[in-house]
């Protein structure tokens, strides 16, 4: 409880500030997770099997009943640029996004630039964007125990609701895209959906414990690739979830330029797709009370 109280006090101090103070900056928040190397020990073999089961076993299924294809734009960590540039861009097309937030990074430095401040997150909420959970400290959930995971979730929820009581955290995204069978089971019991980094379009029966997505970043996809996956979404009458980070003219290797983001939004509109937040998409696709 002391940790949560400290988080709330920090949020209160930052609530009306446009920029984080120097004391708030933690260099390298949400750095890329180190690759797993070394011999395949019994523990690593079990972990590999757990991750495989999490990806392959659909344990929380949603039979999709959408009349039109759906596209969702999500932003992990929420760099300030995703709020200052990404959100207004979506709003120009009468669309809203889902922002997966780790409260421990509020206003701090990251590989994608400074993360959103408390004031920016409040503005997002007031504008109708969805705030989702990304754990408090951007923890890889396949590497922590049940109690530690739930403490992360509770701490993040308390922090976000201290910013604005209208923030009701219903949906989750796996930090680094890492998941395990145990963590997936724990998380899908707490949230309506958990978005993974497993590539693809959700159609027919969606796995709400590991929603597929497409990383929208200049370093890995261009206009042709965006057009192709939107085309696949239309053909399958599916649900495409784009994953973004920073939104700037010279994006990080995880980020997207405003030009490519706008192209994706325009292409979605031209192809007749509904652009919805994760929560609104779940209501549209399966009458989920999300």
Foldseek 3Di string as FASTA:
>chain_A
DVLLVVLLVVQVVQLPPQADDPVLADPAQLPQDDDDDDDCDPVNVQQVVQQVCLVPPQPDKFFFDFPFFEEAEEAEQAAVQCLVPVQVLQVVVVFAHEYAHQSSQARYAHLFGGHHHLNSLVVNVVVPHAYAHCFNRNDQQSPDDPVVRVVRVVSRQSSNCSSPVVHDHAEEEGRSLHDGNVSLVSVVVRHVAYEGDAADWAARMARRSYGYEAEAAPLPDALVRLLVRLVVSRVRSTYYYYYAYHEDCDGRRSHHHSVRSSSSVVSCVVSPHHYHYPCVSCCNTHVDND
